[in-house]
Amino acid sequence: MESTDLIPLTGDVAKTTRRAEEFKDLHETLQRNLQTYLTLTMDALAAIQQRVKSSAVGDTTRQMVRNPHLDILH
């Protein structure tokens, strides 16, 4: 999802506002299916978080998996 830049993940309010304004210019298929993409992304992130939390890996591996923009491992 991050590589598509459909949803800014940096927390930059100006960028988020700009992307919201540009949403109407996206292809109709993307507009219609964005909810599906977001749901799939959140499911994937939740699965990664669960696997990392329940595994016996050390902090170094967790840091490698951690996404600094989302901070998903709290």
PDB file of N, CA and C in Angstrom:
ATOM      1  N   MET A   1       0.834  -1.192   0.000  1.00  0.00           N
ATOM      2  CA  MET A   1       0.000   0.000   0.000  1.00  0.00           C
ATOM      3  C   MET A   1       0.879   1.257   0.000  1.00  0.00           C
ATOM      4  N   GLU A   2       1.958   1.179   0.740  1.00  0.00           N
ATOM      5  CA  GLU A   2       2.831   2.344   0.801  1.00  0.00           C
ATOM      6  C   GLU A   2       3.412   2.695  -0.574  1.00  0.00           C
ATOM      7  N   SER A   3       3.794   1.688  -1.334  1.00  0.00           N
ATOM      8  CA  SER A   3       4.407   1.957  -2.639  1.00  0.00           C
ATOM      9  C   SER A   3       3.407   2.545  -3.638  1.00  0.00           C
ATOM     10  N   THR A   4       2.116   2.313  -3.434  1.00  0.00           N
ATOM     11  CA  THR A   4       1.117   2.873  -4.346  1.00  0.00           C
ATOM     12  C   THR A   4       0.876   4.349  -4.080  1.00  0.00           C
ATOM     13  N   ASP A   5       1.168   4.793  -2.861  1.00  0.00           N
ATOM     14  CA  ASP A   5       0.949   6.176  -2.424  1.00  0.00           C
ATOM     15  C   ASP A   5      -0.524   6.574  -2.501  1.00  0.00           C
ATOM     16  N   LEU A   6      -1.420   5.587  -2.458  1.00  0.00           N
ATOM     17  CA  LEU A   6      -2.850   5.906  -2.427  1.00  0.00           C
ATOM     18  C   LEU A   6      -3.214   6.578  -1.113  1.00  0.00           C
ATOM     19  N   ILE A   7      -2.636   6.073  -0.052  1.00  0.00           N
ATOM     20  CA  ILE A   7      -2.873   6.628   1.276  1.00  0.00           C
ATOM     21  C   ILE A   7      -1.529   7.020   1.861  1.00  0.00           C
ATOM     22  N   PRO A   8      -1.306   8.294   2.124  1.00  0.00           N
ATOM     23  CA  PRO A   8      -0.031   8.699   2.710  1.00  0.00           C
ATOM     24  C   PRO A   8       0.100   8.114   4.128  1.00  0.00           C
ATOM     25  N   LEU A   9       1.228   7.520   4.397  1.00  0.00           N
ATOM     26  CA  LEU A   9       1.440   6.881   5.690  1.00  0.00           C
ATOM     27  C   LEU A   9       2.454   7.624   6.554  1.00  0.00           C
ATOM     28  N   THR A  10       2.820   8.820   6.153  1.00  0.00           N
ATOM     29  CA  THR A  10       3.867   9.546   6.860  1.00  0.00           C
ATOM     30  C   THR A  10       3.346  10.415   7.993  1.00  0.00           C
ATOM     31  N   GLY A  11       2.060  10.665   8.052  1.00  0.00           N
ATOM     32  CA  GLY A  11       1.521  11.555   9.068  1.00  0.00           C
ATOM     33  C   GLY A  11       1.589  13.017   8.664  1.00  0.00           C
ATOM     34  N   ASP A  12       2.033  13.289   7.451  1.00  0.00           N
ATOM     35  CA  ASP A  12       2.128  14.650   6.933  1.00  0.00           C
ATOM     36  C   ASP A  12       0.728  15.131   6.569  1.00  0.00           C
ATOM     37  N   VAL A  13       0.195  16.067   7.335  1.00  0.00           N
ATOM     38  CA  VAL A  13      -1.177  16.541   7.144  1.00  0.00           C
ATOM     39  C   VAL A  13      -1.356  17.177   5.769  1.00  0.00           C
ATOM     40  N   ALA A  14      -0.389  17.944   5.323  1.00  0.00           N
ATOM     41  CA  ALA A  14      -0.494  18.607   4.013  1.00  0.00           C
ATOM     42  C   ALA A  14      -0.564  17.563   2.898  1.00  0.00           C
ATOM     43  N   LYS A  15       0.266  16.532   2.988  1.00  0.00           N
ATOM     44  CA  LYS A  15       0.256  15.486   1.965  1.00  0.00           C
ATOM     45  C   LYS A  15      -1.059  14.718   1.998  1.00  0.00           C
ATOM     46  N   THR A  16      -1.564  14.430   3.186  1.00  0.00           N
ATOM     47  CA  THR A  16      -2.830  13.721   3.314  1.00  0.00           C
ATOM     48  C   THR A  16      -3.964  14.541   2.708  1.00  0.00           C
ATOM     49  N   THR A  17      -3.980  15.813   2.971  1.00  0.00           N
ATOM     50  CA  THR A  17      -5.002  16.700   2.418  1.00  0.00           C
ATOM     51  C   THR A  17      -4.914  16.741   0.895  1.00  0.00           C
ATOM     52  N   ARG A  18      -3.693  16.854   0.389  1.00  0.00           N
ATOM     53  CA  ARG A  18      -3.484  16.889  -1.064  1.00  0.00           C
ATOM     54  C   ARG A  18      -3.958  15.584  -1.712  1.00  0.00           C
ATOM     55  N   ARG A  19      -3.629  14.450  -1.106  1.00  0.00           N
ATOM     56  CA  ARG A  19      -4.053  13.150  -1.658  1.00  0.00           C
ATOM     57  C   ARG A  19      -5.575  13.015  -1.609  1.00  0.00           C
ATOM     58  N   ALA A  20      -6.201  13.537  -0.563  1.00  0.00           N
ATOM     59  CA  ALA A  20      -7.661  13.486  -0.483  1.00  0.00           C
ATOM     60  C   ALA A  20      -8.287  14.301  -1.616  1.00  0.00           C
ATOM     61  N   GLU A  21      -7.706  15.440  -1.909  1.00  0.00           N
ATOM     62  CA  GLU A  21      -8.208  16.271  -3.009  1.00  0.00           C
ATOM     63  C   GLU A  21      -7.982  15.609  -4.363  1.00  0.00           C
ATOM     64  N   GLU A  22      -6.893  14.866  -4.500  1.00  0.00           N
ATOM     65  CA  GLU A  22      -6.570  14.200  -5.759  1.00  0.00           C
ATOM     66  C   GLU A  22      -7.357  12.907  -5.959  1.00  0.00           C
ATOM     67  N   PHE A  23      -8.027  12.434  -4.930  1.00  0.00           N
ATOM     68  CA  PHE A  23      -8.750  11.170  -4.997  1.00  0.00           C
ATOM     69  C   PHE A  23      -9.748  11.149  -6.148  1.00  0.00           C
ATOM     70  N   LYS A  24     -10.412  12.258  -6.379  1.00  0.00           N
ATOM     71  CA  LYS A  24     -11.421  12.328  -7.452  1.00  0.00           C
ATOM     72  C   LYS A  24     -10.810  12.147  -8.838  1.00  0.00           C
ATOM     73  N   ASP A  25      -9.488  12.346  -8.947  1.00  0.00           N
ATOM     74  CA  ASP A  25      -8.808  12.202 -10.231  1.00  0.00           C
ATOM     75  C   ASP A  25      -8.288  10.784 -10.477  1.00  0.00           C
ATOM     76  N   LEU A  26      -8.405   9.916  -9.476  1.00  0.00           N
ATOM     77  CA  LEU A  26      -7.946   8.541  -9.636  1.00  0.00           C
ATOM     78  C   LEU A  26      -8.882   7.782 -10.579  1.00  0.00           C
ATOM     79  N   HIS A  27      -8.370   6.726 -11.143  1.00  0.00           N
ATOM     80  CA  HIS A  27      -9.174   5.881 -12.011  1.00  0.00           C
ATOM     81  C   HIS A  27     -10.403   5.396 -11.234  1.00  0.00           C
ATOM     82  N   GLU A  28     -11.525   5.301 -11.901  1.00  0.00           N
ATOM     83  CA  GLU A  28     -12.793   4.903 -11.277  1.00  0.00           C
ATOM     84  C   GLU A  28     -12.674   3.574 -10.529  1.00  0.00           C
ATOM     85  N   THR A  29     -11.913   2.646 -11.078  1.00  0.00           N
ATOM     86  CA  THR A  29     -11.750   1.338 -10.438  1.00  0.00           C
ATOM     87  C   THR A  29     -11.062   1.479  -9.084  1.00  0.00           C
ATOM     88  N   LEU A  30     -10.054   2.322  -9.015  1.00  0.00           N
ATOM     89  CA  LEU A  30      -9.379   2.558  -7.734  1.00  0.00           C
ATOM     90  C   LEU A  30     -10.318   3.207  -6.731  1.00  0.00           C
ATOM     91  N   GLN A  31     -11.084   4.161  -7.178  1.00  0.00           N
ATOM     92  CA  GLN A  31     -12.040   4.825  -6.285  1.00  0.00           C
ATOM     93  C   GLN A  31     -13.040   3.830  -5.718  1.00  0.00           C
ATOM     94  N   ARG A  32     -13.559   2.977  -6.576  1.00  0.00           N
ATOM     95  CA  ARG A  32     -14.568   2.000  -6.150  1.00  0.00           C
ATOM     96  C   ARG A  32     -14.019   0.950  -5.208  1.00  0.00           C
ATOM     97  N   ASN A  33     -12.762   0.573  -5.405  1.00  0.00           N
ATOM     98  CA  ASN A  33     -12.200  -0.560  -4.671  1.00  0.00           C
ATOM     99  C   ASN A  33     -11.227  -0.181  -3.565  1.00  0.00           C
ATOM    100  N   LEU A  34     -11.081   1.093  -3.280  1.00  0.00           N
ATOM    101  CA  LEU A  34     -10.129   1.510  -2.250  1.00  0.00           C
ATOM    102  C   LEU A  34     -10.439   0.854  -0.904  1.00  0.00           C
ATOM    103  N   GLN A  35     -11.691   0.735  -0.562  1.00  0.00           N
ATOM    104  CA  GLN A  35     -12.067   0.105   0.701  1.00  0.00           C
ATOM    105  C   GLN A  35     -11.541  -1.333   0.761  1.00  0.00           C
ATOM    106  N   THR A  36     -11.623  -2.047  -0.340  1.00  0.00           N
ATOM    107  CA  THR A  36     -11.112  -3.420  -0.393  1.00  0.00           C
ATOM    108  C   THR A  36      -9.601  -3.438  -0.199  1.00  0.00           C
ATOM    109  N   TYR A  37      -8.896  -2.532  -0.883  1.00  0.00           N
ATOM    110  CA  TYR A  37      -7.434  -2.469  -0.743  1.00  0.00           C
ATOM    111  C   TYR A  37      -7.042  -2.164   0.699  1.00  0.00           C
ATOM    112  N   LEU A  38      -7.746  -1.227   1.308  1.00  0.00           N
ATOM    113  CA  LEU A  38      -7.432  -0.866   2.691  1.00  0.00           C
ATOM    114  C   LEU A  38      -7.681  -2.026   3.643  1.00  0.00           C
ATOM    115  N   THR A  39      -8.780  -2.729   3.443  1.00  0.00           N
ATOM    116  CA  THR A  39      -9.100  -3.882   4.290  1.00  0.00           C
ATOM    117  C   THR A  39      -8.036  -4.965   4.146  1.00  0.00           C
ATOM    118  N   LEU A  40      -7.646  -5.262   2.918  1.00  0.00           N
ATOM    119  CA  LEU A  40      -6.602  -6.271   2.688  1.00  0.00           C
ATOM    120  C   LEU A  40      -5.275  -5.851   3.316  1.00  0.00           C
ATOM    121  N   THR A  41      -4.951  -4.577   3.209  1.00  0.00           N
ATOM    122  CA  THR A  41      -3.714  -4.072   3.810  1.00  0.00           C
ATOM    123  C   THR A  41      -3.744  -4.202   5.322  1.00  0.00           C
ATOM    124  N   MET A  42      -4.853  -3.813   5.923  1.00  0.00           N
ATOM    125  CA  MET A  42      -4.961  -3.903   7.384  1.00  0.00           C
ATOM    126  C   MET A  42      -4.931  -5.355   7.845  1.00  0.00           C
ATOM    127  N   ASP A  43      -5.559  -6.255   7.110  1.00  0.00           N
ATOM    128  CA  ASP A  43      -5.507  -7.685   7.448  1.00  0.00           C
ATOM    129  C   ASP A  43      -4.074  -8.200   7.384  1.00  0.00           C
ATOM    130  N   ALA A  44      -3.338  -7.804   6.350  1.00  0.00           N
ATOM    131  CA  ALA A  44      -1.946  -8.244   6.214  1.00  0.00           C
ATOM    132  C   ALA A  44      -1.089  -7.694   7.349  1.00  0.00           C
ATOM    133  N   LEU A  45      -1.272  -6.420   7.689  1.00  0.00           N
ATOM    134  CA  LEU A  45      -0.506  -5.830   8.784  1.00  0.00           C
ATOM    135  C   LEU A  45      -0.839  -6.491  10.118  1.00  0.00           C
ATOM    136  N   ALA A  46      -2.103  -6.786  10.343  1.00  0.00           N
ATOM    137  CA  ALA A  46      -2.510  -7.451  11.582  1.00  0.00           C
ATOM    138  C   ALA A  46      -1.902  -8.849  11.670  1.00  0.00           C
ATOM    139  N   ALA A  47      -1.851  -9.564  10.553  1.00  0.00           N
ATOM    140  CA  ALA A  47      -1.260 -10.902  10.540  1.00  0.00           C
ATOM    141  C   ALA A  47       0.238 -10.834  10.827  1.00  0.00           C
ATOM    142  N   ILE A  48       0.917  -9.869  10.242  1.00  0.00           N
ATOM    143  CA  ILE A  48       2.352  -9.696  10.496  1.00  0.00           C
ATOM    144  C   ILE A  48       2.585  -9.372  11.963  1.00  0.00           C
ATOM    145  N   GLN A  49       1.798  -8.450  12.482  1.00  0.00           N
ATOM    146  CA  GLN A  49       1.941  -8.067  13.884  1.00  0.00           C
ATOM    147  C   GLN A  49       1.730  -9.274  14.800  1.00  0.00           C
ATOM    148  N   GLN A  50       0.717 -10.062  14.528  1.00  0.00           N
ATOM    149  CA  GLN A  50       0.420 -11.226  15.361  1.00  0.00           C
ATOM    150  C   GLN A  50       1.551 -12.245  15.300  1.00  0.00           C
ATOM    151  N   ARG A  51       2.070 -12.495  14.099  1.00  0.00           N
ATOM    152  CA  ARG A  51       3.169 -13.451  13.957  1.00  0.00           C
ATOM    153  C   ARG A  51       4.410 -12.995  14.707  1.00  0.00           C
ATOM    154  N   VAL A  52       4.728 -11.707  14.590  1.00  0.00           N
ATOM    155  CA  VAL A  52       5.921 -11.189  15.257  1.00  0.00           C
ATOM    156  C   VAL A  52       5.741 -11.231  16.770  1.00  0.00           C
ATOM    157  N   LYS A  53       4.594 -10.849  17.253  1.00  0.00           N
ATOM    158  CA  LYS A  53       4.345 -10.855  18.700  1.00  0.00           C
ATOM    159  C   LYS A  53       4.374 -12.261  19.280  1.00  0.00           C
ATOM    160  N   SER A  54       3.873 -13.239  18.544  1.00  0.00           N
ATOM    161  CA  SER A  54       3.771 -14.589  19.085  1.00  0.00           C
ATOM    162  C   SER A  54       5.015 -15.431  18.820  1.00  0.00           C
ATOM    163  N   SER A  55       5.929 -14.917  18.032  1.00  0.00           N
ATOM    164  CA  SER A  55       7.127 -15.696  17.722  1.00  0.00           C
ATOM    165  C   SER A  55       8.180 -15.513  18.809  1.00  0.00           C
ATOM    166  N   ALA A  56       9.174 -16.333  18.734  1.00  0.00           N
ATOM    167  CA  ALA A  56      10.256 -16.289  19.711  1.00  0.00           C
ATOM    168  C   ALA A  56      11.425 -15.459  19.200  1.00  0.00           C
ATOM    169  N   VAL A  57      11.195 -14.602  18.227  1.00  0.00           N
ATOM    170  CA  VAL A  57      12.282 -13.803  17.658  1.00  0.00           C
ATOM    171  C   VAL A  57      12.696 -12.713  18.631  1.00  0.00           C
ATOM    172  N   GLY A  58      13.921 -12.292  18.472  1.00  0.00           N
ATOM    173  CA  GLY A  58      14.446 -11.241  19.331  1.00  0.00           C
ATOM    174  C   GLY A  58      14.061  -9.859  18.850  1.00  0.00           C
ATOM    175  N   ASP A  59      14.484  -8.869  19.607  1.00  0.00           N
ATOM    176  CA  ASP A  59      14.163  -7.477  19.293  1.00  0.00           C
ATOM    177  C   ASP A  59      14.750  -7.032  17.957  1.00  0.00           C
ATOM    178  N   THR A  60      15.898  -7.568  17.566  1.00  0.00           N
ATOM    179  CA  THR A  60      16.520  -7.173  16.293  1.00  0.00           C
ATOM    180  C   THR A  60      15.617  -7.522  15.126  1.00  0.00           C
ATOM    181  N   THR A  61      15.060  -8.717  15.128  1.00  0.00           N
ATOM    182  CA  THR A  61      14.159  -9.132  14.051  1.00  0.00           C
ATOM    183  C   THR A  61      12.895  -8.291  14.077  1.00  0.00           C
ATOM    184  N   ARG A  62      12.400  -8.028  15.243  1.00  0.00           N
ATOM    185  CA  ARG A  62      11.196  -7.184  15.333  1.00  0.00           C
ATOM    186  C   ARG A  62      11.457  -5.812  14.751  1.00  0.00           C
ATOM    187  N   GLN A  63      12.633  -5.255  14.996  1.00  0.00           N
ATOM    188  CA  GLN A  63      12.960  -3.942  14.441  1.00  0.00           C
ATOM    189  C   GLN A  63      13.023  -3.995  12.921  1.00  0.00           C
ATOM    190  N   MET A  64      13.473  -5.115  12.350  1.00  0.00           N
ATOM    191  CA  MET A  64      13.541  -5.249  10.898  1.00  0.00           C
ATOM    192  C   MET A  64      12.153  -5.297  10.293  1.00  0.00           C
ATOM    193  N   VAL A  65      11.182  -5.885  10.987  1.00  0.00           N
ATOM    194  CA  VAL A  65       9.824  -6.020  10.484  1.00  0.00           C
ATOM    195  C   VAL A  65       9.034  -4.756  10.713  1.00  0.00           C
ATOM    196  N   ARG A  66       9.360  -4.022  11.726  1.00  0.00           N
ATOM    197  CA  ARG A  66       8.612  -2.833  12.130  1.00  0.00           C
ATOM    198  C   ARG A  66       8.580  -1.790  11.021  1.00  0.00           C
ATOM    199  N   ASN A  67       7.416  -1.222  10.801  1.00  0.00           N
ATOM    200  CA  ASN A  67       7.251  -0.142   9.835  1.00  0.00           C
ATOM    201  C   ASN A  67       7.239   1.151  10.629  1.00  0.00           C
ATOM    202  N   PRO A  68       8.266   2.004  10.487  1.00  0.00           N
ATOM    203  CA  PRO A  68       8.347   3.215  11.301  1.00  0.00           C
ATOM    204  C   PRO A  68       7.202   4.190  11.051  1.00  0.00           C
ATOM    205  N   HIS A  69       6.563   4.094   9.889  1.00  0.00           N
ATOM    206  CA  HIS A  69       5.455   5.008   9.598  1.00  0.00           C
ATOM    207  C   HIS A  69       4.192   4.603  10.338  1.00  0.00           C
ATOM    208  N   LEU A  70       3.978   3.321  10.497  1.00  0.00           N
ATOM    209  CA  LEU A  70       2.756   2.834  11.125  1.00  0.00           C
ATOM    210  C   LEU A  70       2.949   2.450  12.570  1.00  0.00           C
ATOM    211  N   ASP A  71       4.210   2.143  12.950  1.00  0.00           N
ATOM    212  CA  ASP A  71       4.516   1.712  14.307  1.00  0.00           C
ATOM    213  C   ASP A  71       3.555   0.617  14.733  1.00  0.00           C
ATOM    214  N   ILE A  72       3.494  -0.476  13.958  1.00  0.00           N
ATOM    215  CA  ILE A  72       2.467  -1.500  14.137  1.00  0.00           C
ATOM    216  C   ILE A  72       2.745  -2.456  15.268  1.00  0.00           C
ATOM    217  N   LEU A  73       3.880  -2.365  15.901  1.00  0.00           N
ATOM    218  CA  LEU A  73       4.206  -3.367  16.911  1.00  0.00           C
ATOM    219  C   LEU A  73       4.015  -2.876  18.339  1.00  0.00           C
ATOM    220  N   HIS A  74       3.034  -2.088  18.582  1.00  0.00           N
ATOM    221  CA  HIS A  74       2.764  -1.641  19.964  1.00  0.00           C
ATOM    222  C   HIS A  74       1.777  -2.553  20.615  1.00  0.00           C
TER     223      HIS A  74
END
